[in-house]
Amino acid sequence: MRRTASPLSLLLLGAGVFLLVLAPLLVQYVQPRAKVTPVDVDTVTVFTGTGSYFDTGRIATVTGRPLTITRQVRGDVADSVRSGHAVWDVSTSVDTDRTLPASATHDSLQWTLERWVTDRRTNEPVHCCEESPTFDGEAYLKFPFDVEKRSYRWWDGTLGSTVTLRFAGTQKVQGYEGYRFTGRVEPVRTGTRLVPGRLVGQPARPQVLAEEWYANHGIELVVDRRTGRIVNAAIGPRKVLRAPGSRKDAVVLLDSRRMEFTPGTQRAQVALAAADNRKLRLLGETVPLAAAVLGGLAAAAGLVLLVRGRPRRPDSAAAPTM
């Protein structure tokens, strides 16, 4: 008695082969295409702390005052699609309690508007699309995907150059663990500013081209390993004026030992990192593993049924002749 393949065996075998082929495709092709810097971003991060700043009303430096840094990042979707890169417009303001809200930037202590362009896969800088300023390094508003336990060159916009941030272990932020990187900036001249001579100890001169100096007491970033998203940041900026050629600080423009993401900003960054992690884990681990297991089981079951087959009824015997 001959046997034939049942429809169920063929269905299981076909589905199993499909799932077995799908599993490596998800890992090799789908996940890498999902592991790209987003272009439709619109986020606000806020640092708070206390420190000193130059009060133009009093014409003097005041100390121990609350300070706020607000950074808004908006993706230029049209330019991103056109160029194939991540194009982000970044507004950063430094404010006192008196100059808040940060959206009114005309009286902020400091306000900058920048355009950052990066490769969506590598996070390397791309010099196009009216980028401003021209920057360098490996890490900026985020780190590359799959962060390693090594030093990274982080772009400091105030310095106008990169700072080496060294891996310093792991740290939890709002219960979420990330890689911690630290660094600092020793005092360095960053430019000049025309000011009254008396501000820098030269009262006999009505105007002086004073030197601007910048330092950072400490930079500390906690980064999500898989996505490179910064879940917490703390900085200690110091900006001063010096008389031309002097080694002594004459006027403190801004000085804070530590300004850090607010708890609300930390929670928002952790939530975004966790969501991105789930998506990448789903495409790179969970679904491929499930497809491989289910595909193997389905293919095995289909083969067993195919080998066993089902009995085929013999053709009816020929009718006897009269």
Protein backbone atom coordinates (compact mmCIF):
# COMPACT_ATOMS: atom_id res chain seq x y z
CA MET A 1 0.00 0.00 0.00
CA ARG A 2 1.54 3.29 -1.13
CA ARG A 3 1.62 6.42 1.08
CA THR A 4 1.17 10.10 0.12
CA ALA A 5 2.28 13.36 1.79
CA SER A 6 -0.48 14.94 3.85
CA PRO A 7 -1.26 18.68 3.41
CA LEU A 8 -0.43 19.20 7.11
CA SER A 9 3.09 17.79 6.71
CA LEU A 10 3.79 20.04 3.75
CA LEU A 11 2.37 23.05 5.58
CA LEU A 12 4.50 22.41 8.68
CA LEU A 13 7.62 21.80 6.62
CA GLY A 14 7.10 24.98 4.58
CA ALA A 15 6.40 27.09 7.65
CA GLY A 16 9.44 25.66 9.43
CA VAL A 17 11.78 26.39 6.53
CA PHE A 18 10.37 29.93 6.27
CA LEU A 19 10.97 30.61 9.98
CA LEU A 20 14.47 29.13 9.85
CA VAL A 21 15.35 31.44 6.95
CA LEU A 22 13.68 34.42 8.65
CA ALA A 23 15.71 34.16 11.88
CA PRO A 24 19.15 35.05 10.42
CA LEU A 25 17.59 37.63 8.10
CA LEU A 26 16.25 39.51 11.12
CA VAL A 27 19.68 39.53 12.75
CA GLN A 28 21.72 40.36 9.66
CA TYR A 29 19.43 42.72 7.75
CA VAL A 30 16.42 43.95 9.72
CA GLN A 31 18.05 44.82 13.06
CA PRO A 32 20.96 46.79 11.52
CA ARG A 33 18.44 48.89 9.60
CA ALA A 34 16.59 49.58 12.84
CA LYS A 35 19.83 50.48 14.67
CA VAL A 36 20.05 54.03 13.30
CA THR A 37 19.93 57.48 14.88
CA PRO A 38 16.35 58.80 14.73
CA VAL A 39 15.60 61.91 12.69
CA ASP A 40 12.15 62.85 14.05
CA VAL A 41 13.40 63.79 17.53
CA ASP A 42 11.96 66.58 19.67
CA THR A 43 13.35 66.38 23.20
CA VAL A 44 14.19 68.77 26.01
CA THR A 45 16.83 68.05 28.65
CA VAL A 46 17.30 70.22 31.72
CA PHE A 47 20.35 70.58 34.00
CA THR A 48 20.08 72.34 37.36
CA GLY A 49 22.61 73.34 39.99
CA THR A 50 23.99 76.31 41.90
CA GLY A 51 26.91 78.57 41.16
CA SER A 52 28.18 82.04 40.35
CA TYR A 53 27.49 84.30 37.39
CA PHE A 54 28.15 87.87 36.31
CA ASP A 55 25.09 90.01 37.01
CA THR A 56 25.01 92.77 34.40
CA GLY A 57 22.57 94.77 36.51
CA ARG A 58 24.91 94.90 39.47
CA ILE A 59 28.05 94.81 37.31
CA ALA A 60 29.41 92.22 39.71
CA THR A 61 29.62 88.46 40.15
CA VAL A 62 26.99 86.98 42.46
CA THR A 63 27.49 83.58 44.12
CA GLY A 64 25.44 80.64 45.35
CA ARG A 65 22.56 81.19 42.93
CA PRO A 66 20.37 78.60 41.19
CA LEU A 67 21.31 77.98 37.56
CA THR A 68 19.49 76.10 34.80
CA ILE A 69 20.72 74.78 31.45
CA THR A 70 17.96 73.90 28.98
CA ARG A 71 18.71 72.07 25.76
CA GLN A 72 16.11 71.42 23.08
CA VAL A 73 16.90 69.05 20.20
CA ARG A 74 14.70 69.00 17.11
CA GLY A 75 15.32 66.84 14.08
CA ASP A 76 15.07 68.41 10.63
CA VAL A 77 13.22 65.53 8.99
CA ALA A 78 13.20 67.03 5.50
CA ASP A 79 16.97 67.64 5.43
CA SER A 80 17.61 64.28 7.08
CA VAL A 81 15.63 62.40 4.43
CA ARG A 82 17.22 64.42 1.63
CA SER A 83 20.80 63.89 2.88
CA GLY A 84 20.47 60.43 4.38
CA HIS A 85 22.02 61.69 7.65
CA ALA A 86 20.69 62.72 11.06
CA VAL A 87 20.27 66.52 11.02
CA TRP A 88 19.47 67.98 14.44
CA ASP A 89 18.96 71.63 15.43
CA VAL A 90 20.10 72.22 19.02
CA SER A 91 19.14 75.22 21.16
CA THR A 92 20.97 75.61 24.50
CA SER A 93 20.40 78.35 27.07
CA VAL A 94 21.90 79.05 30.48
CA ASP A 95 19.49 80.87 32.81
CA THR A 96 19.03 82.17 36.30
CA ASP A 97 15.69 82.05 38.10
CA ARG A 98 15.14 85.61 36.88
CA THR A 99 15.60 84.81 33.19
CA LEU A 100 13.42 81.69 33.05
CA PRO A 101 11.51 80.40 31.12
CA ALA A 102 14.28 79.27 28.83
CA SER A 103 12.11 79.80 25.74
CA ALA A 104 12.67 83.56 26.15
CA THR A 105 16.34 83.54 25.22
CA HIS A 106 16.87 87.31 24.83
CA ASP A 107 17.96 87.73 28.46
CA SER A 108 19.66 84.37 29.08
CA LEU A 109 23.20 84.33 30.47
CA GLN A 110 24.19 82.36 27.39
CA TRP A 111 22.30 81.06 24.35
CA THR A 112 23.54 79.09 21.37
CA LEU A 113 21.85 77.62 18.32
CA GLU A 114 23.71 74.82 16.56
CA ARG A 115 23.10 72.33 13.76
CA TRP A 116 24.55 68.86 14.22
CA VAL A 117 24.84 66.38 11.34
CA THR A 118 25.91 62.77 11.97
CA ASP A 119 26.01 59.45 10.18
CA ARG A 120 22.92 57.56 11.34
CA ARG A 121 24.76 54.25 11.76
CA THR A 122 28.23 55.18 13.05
CA ASN A 123 27.46 58.51 14.81
CA GLU A 124 30.49 60.02 13.03
CA PRO A 125 30.20 63.74 12.15
CA VAL A 126 29.11 64.57 8.61
CA HIS A 127 30.06 67.98 7.25
CA CYS A 128 27.07 69.02 5.19
CA CYS A 129 23.57 70.46 5.40
CA GLU A 130 24.67 73.84 6.85
CA GLU A 131 26.32 72.16 9.83
CA SER A 132 27.31 74.69 12.48
CA PRO A 133 29.79 74.58 14.08
CA THR A 134 32.14 72.18 12.32
CA PHE A 135 32.72 69.57 14.99
CA ASP A 136 34.67 66.38 15.54
CA GLY A 137 34.80 63.37 17.83
CA GLU A 138 32.85 60.18 18.49
CA ALA A 139 30.26 61.27 21.03
CA TYR A 140 28.07 64.37 21.14
CA LEU A 141 24.45 64.43 22.21
CA LYS A 142 24.65 60.64 22.13
CA PHE A 143 27.28 57.92 21.89
CA PRO A 144 27.54 55.35 19.08
CA PHE A 145 25.44 52.20 19.28
CA ASP A 146 26.95 49.29 21.25
CA VAL A 147 29.08 51.41 23.59
CA GLU A 148 32.39 49.85 24.58
CA LYS A 149 34.38 49.96 27.82
CA ARG A 150 37.01 52.37 26.49
CA SER A 151 37.74 56.08 26.21
CA TYR A 152 35.71 58.24 23.80
CA ARG A 153 36.36 61.65 22.27
CA TRP A 154 33.40 63.82 23.34
CA TRP A 155 32.74 67.17 21.65
CA ASP A 156 32.59 70.15 24.03
CA GLY A 157 30.90 73.05 22.24
CA THR A 158 32.18 75.68 24.67
CA LEU A 159 35.73 74.44 24.31
CA GLY A 160 35.36 74.10 20.54
CA SER A 161 37.26 70.82 20.64
CA THR A 162 37.06 67.26 21.92
CA VAL A 163 37.54 66.03 25.48
CA THR A 164 38.69 62.50 26.30
CA LEU A 165 36.11 60.77 28.48
CA ARG A 166 37.36 57.61 30.17
CA PHE A 167 35.27 54.58 31.08
CA ALA A 168 34.67 54.59 34.84
CA GLY A 169 32.50 51.56 35.49
CA THR A 170 28.74 51.25 35.65
CA GLN A 171 26.14 53.33 37.44
CA LYS A 172 22.40 53.10 37.93
CA VAL A 173 20.15 56.05 37.06
CA GLN A 174 16.55 55.77 38.23
CA GLY A 175 17.19 52.04 38.62
CA TYR A 176 18.56 51.69 35.07
CA GLU A 177 22.20 50.67 34.64
CA GLY A 178 24.52 52.36 32.17
CA TYR A 179 28.20 52.87 31.44
CA ARG A 180 29.79 55.83 33.25
CA PHE A 181 32.35 58.08 31.53
CA THR A 182 34.26 60.94 33.16
CA GLY A 183 36.64 63.72 32.19
CA ARG A 184 37.59 67.33 32.86
CA VAL A 185 38.86 70.41 31.05
CA GLU A 186 41.82 72.35 32.38
CA PRO A 187 41.67 76.16 31.89
CA VAL A 188 42.15 77.10 28.25
CA ARG A 189 41.76 80.33 26.32
CA THR A 190 38.74 80.17 24.02
CA GLY A 191 38.45 83.72 22.64
CA THR A 192 38.38 87.44 23.38
CA ARG A 193 35.74 89.98 24.38
CA LEU A 194 35.79 93.80 24.35
CA VAL A 195 34.96 95.02 27.88
CA PRO A 196 35.54 98.14 30.02
CA GLY A 197 39.10 98.12 31.34
CA ARG A 198 38.02 98.45 34.96
CA LEU A 199 36.37 95.00 34.79
CA VAL A 200 39.75 93.34 34.36
CA GLY A 201 41.79 95.57 36.66
CA GLN A 202 42.84 98.19 34.11
CA PRO A 203 40.72 101.28 35.02
CA ALA A 204 42.91 103.64 33.00
CA ARG A 205 41.81 101.98 29.76
CA PRO A 206 38.22 102.58 28.61
CA GLN A 207 38.08 99.38 26.53
CA VAL A 208 40.17 96.22 26.75
CA LEU A 209 40.16 93.13 24.56
CA ALA A 210 39.92 90.72 27.47
CA GLU A 211 40.70 87.03 27.14
CA GLU A 212 37.93 84.47 27.68
CA TRP A 213 39.03 81.32 29.49
CA TYR A 214 37.04 78.13 29.96
CA ALA A 215 37.41 75.10 32.20
CA ASN A 216 35.19 72.26 33.36
CA HIS A 217 35.48 70.97 36.91
CA GLY A 218 34.15 67.59 35.86
CA ILE A 219 32.15 65.90 33.10
CA GLU A 220 30.21 62.77 34.00
CA LEU A 221 27.96 60.94 31.55
CA VAL A 222 25.99 57.73 32.12
CA VAL A 223 25.23 56.06 28.80
CA ASP A 224 22.94 53.24 27.75
CA ARG A 225 25.18 50.49 26.41
CA ARG A 226 23.06 49.31 23.50
CA THR A 227 21.71 52.60 22.10
CA GLY A 228 24.32 55.15 23.20
CA ARG A 229 21.61 57.37 24.69
CA ILE A 230 22.80 59.56 27.58
CA VAL A 231 20.55 58.82 30.56
CA ASN A 232 22.31 61.20 32.95
CA ALA A 233 24.80 64.03 32.54
CA ALA A 234 26.62 66.26 35.00
CA ILE A 235 29.03 69.09 34.14
CA GLY A 236 30.93 71.80 36.02
CA PRO A 237 31.44 74.74 33.63
CA ARG A 238 33.65 77.72 34.51
CA LYS A 239 34.03 80.80 32.26
CA VAL A 240 36.15 83.79 33.26
CA LEU A 241 37.74 86.92 31.82
CA ARG A 242 41.41 87.79 32.16
CA ALA A 243 43.33 90.92 31.28
CA PRO A 244 45.40 90.50 28.11
CA GLY A 245 48.41 88.31 28.89
CA SER A 246 47.43 87.82 32.53
CA ARG A 247 47.39 84.45 34.32
CA LYS A 248 44.89 85.62 36.92
CA ASP A 249 41.10 85.42 36.63
CA ALA A 250 39.65 88.93 36.77
CA VAL A 251 35.89 88.33 36.33
CA VAL A 252 33.86 85.15 36.80
CA LEU A 253 31.21 84.98 34.11
CA LEU A 254 29.86 81.55 35.06
CA ASP A 255 31.00 78.95 37.55
CA SER A 256 29.26 75.86 38.89
CA ARG A 257 30.87 72.85 40.50
CA ARG A 258 28.07 70.54 39.30
CA MET A 259 24.99 70.91 37.12
CA GLU A 260 23.08 67.70 36.54
CA PHE A 261 20.03 66.36 34.71
CA THR A 262 16.90 66.91 36.75
CA PRO A 263 15.10 63.75 38.01
CA GLY A 264 12.38 64.40 35.41
CA THR A 265 14.94 64.51 32.60
CA GLN A 266 16.59 61.35 33.91
CA ARG A 267 13.26 59.50 33.93
CA ALA A 268 12.45 60.65 30.40
CA GLN A 269 15.88 59.60 29.07
CA VAL A 270 15.67 56.23 30.82
CA ALA A 271 12.20 55.62 29.35
CA LEU A 272 13.45 56.39 25.83
CA ALA A 273 16.52 54.18 26.28
CA ALA A 274 14.41 51.31 27.61
CA ALA A 275 11.94 51.58 24.71
CA ASP A 276 14.74 51.60 22.13
CA ASN A 277 16.37 48.63 23.87
CA ARG A 278 13.16 46.63 23.76
CA LYS A 279 12.80 47.27 20.02
CA LEU A 280 16.39 46.30 19.23
CA ARG A 281 16.25 43.27 21.52
CA LEU A 282 13.00 42.17 19.90
CA LEU A 283 14.45 42.37 16.40
CA GLY A 284 17.92 41.10 17.24
CA GLU A 285 17.27 38.46 19.89
CA THR A 286 13.71 37.59 20.87
CA VAL A 287 12.04 37.23 17.46
CA PRO A 288 15.02 35.51 15.74
CA LEU A 289 15.34 33.02 18.61
CA ALA A 290 11.61 32.33 18.63
CA ALA A 291 11.61 31.97 14.83
CA ALA A 292 14.55 29.55 14.96
CA VAL A 293 12.99 27.40 17.70
CA LEU A 294 9.50 27.34 16.20
CA GLY A 295 10.92 26.84 12.72
CA GLY A 296 13.00 23.89 13.87
CA LEU A 297 10.05 22.27 15.63
CA ALA A 298 7.70 22.85 12.71
CA ALA A 299 10.21 21.55 10.16
CA ALA A 300 10.93 18.46 12.28
CA ALA A 301 7.24 17.72 12.72
CA GLY A 302 6.63 18.21 9.01
CA LEU A 303 9.46 15.82 8.11
CA VAL A 304 8.15 13.15 10.50
CA LEU A 305 4.67 13.38 9.02
CA LEU A 306 6.11 13.44 5.52
CA VAL A 307 8.13 10.27 6.12
CA ARG A 308 5.19 8.48 7.70
CA GLY A 309 2.82 9.74 5.07
CA ARG A 310 -0.74 8.47 4.95
CA PRO A 311 -2.03 5.27 3.38
CA ARG A 312 -3.21 5.60 -0.19
CA ARG A 313 -6.18 3.48 -1.07
CA PRO A 314 -5.53 0.98 -3.89
CA ASP A 315 -7.39 1.45 -7.14
CA SER A 316 -10.66 -0.45 -7.25
CA ALA A 317 -10.31 -3.96 -8.73
CA ALA A 318 -11.44 -4.27 -12.32
CA ALA A 319 -15.02 -5.40 -12.70
CA PRO A 320 -15.29 -9.11 -13.69
CA THR A 321 -16.19 -9.81 -17.28
CA MET A 322 -19.22 -11.82 -18.13
